[in-house]
């Protein structure tokens, strides 16, 4: 049975990934578990985040949500995608036409999952906990209203 992603949570994951990379230069998550009630993302990192940094990440993600940016998809060739994005996590059988999800001018990356039409549909983003162990920073989050 194919896993069903929650559109709101999956779209929020993109915003969290881009925010973490912009703030800390850590790249996108190395692993994620996306569920309707709560989700988590893991990042290669060199230290724990302090409370101020956690609140700042949360605030920035919520600013993008409130900006109500459109979320669109476009298809580009695998060759072009490989030059612009990290396509290492795509399955080998993904074909030559790669789907790119663009969130306004904030984020763009290859993705096979479902998304909302605009960030305003996501709802309020809340980081519930942050752990750091053995070079991996784990951020758990939920969306208020669930």
Foldseek 3Di string as FASTA:
>chain_A
DDDAADQLQVVLLQLLQLLCCVVPVQHGFPDKDGDQFKIKGKTQADDWDDPVVQVVSQVSSVVQLVVFFFKDKDWDFPVVQVVVAPCVPPDPPPDGIFIWIDGHPRGIHTDDHHHDGTSPVNARKDFPDWDDDDRMIMTMIHHPPD
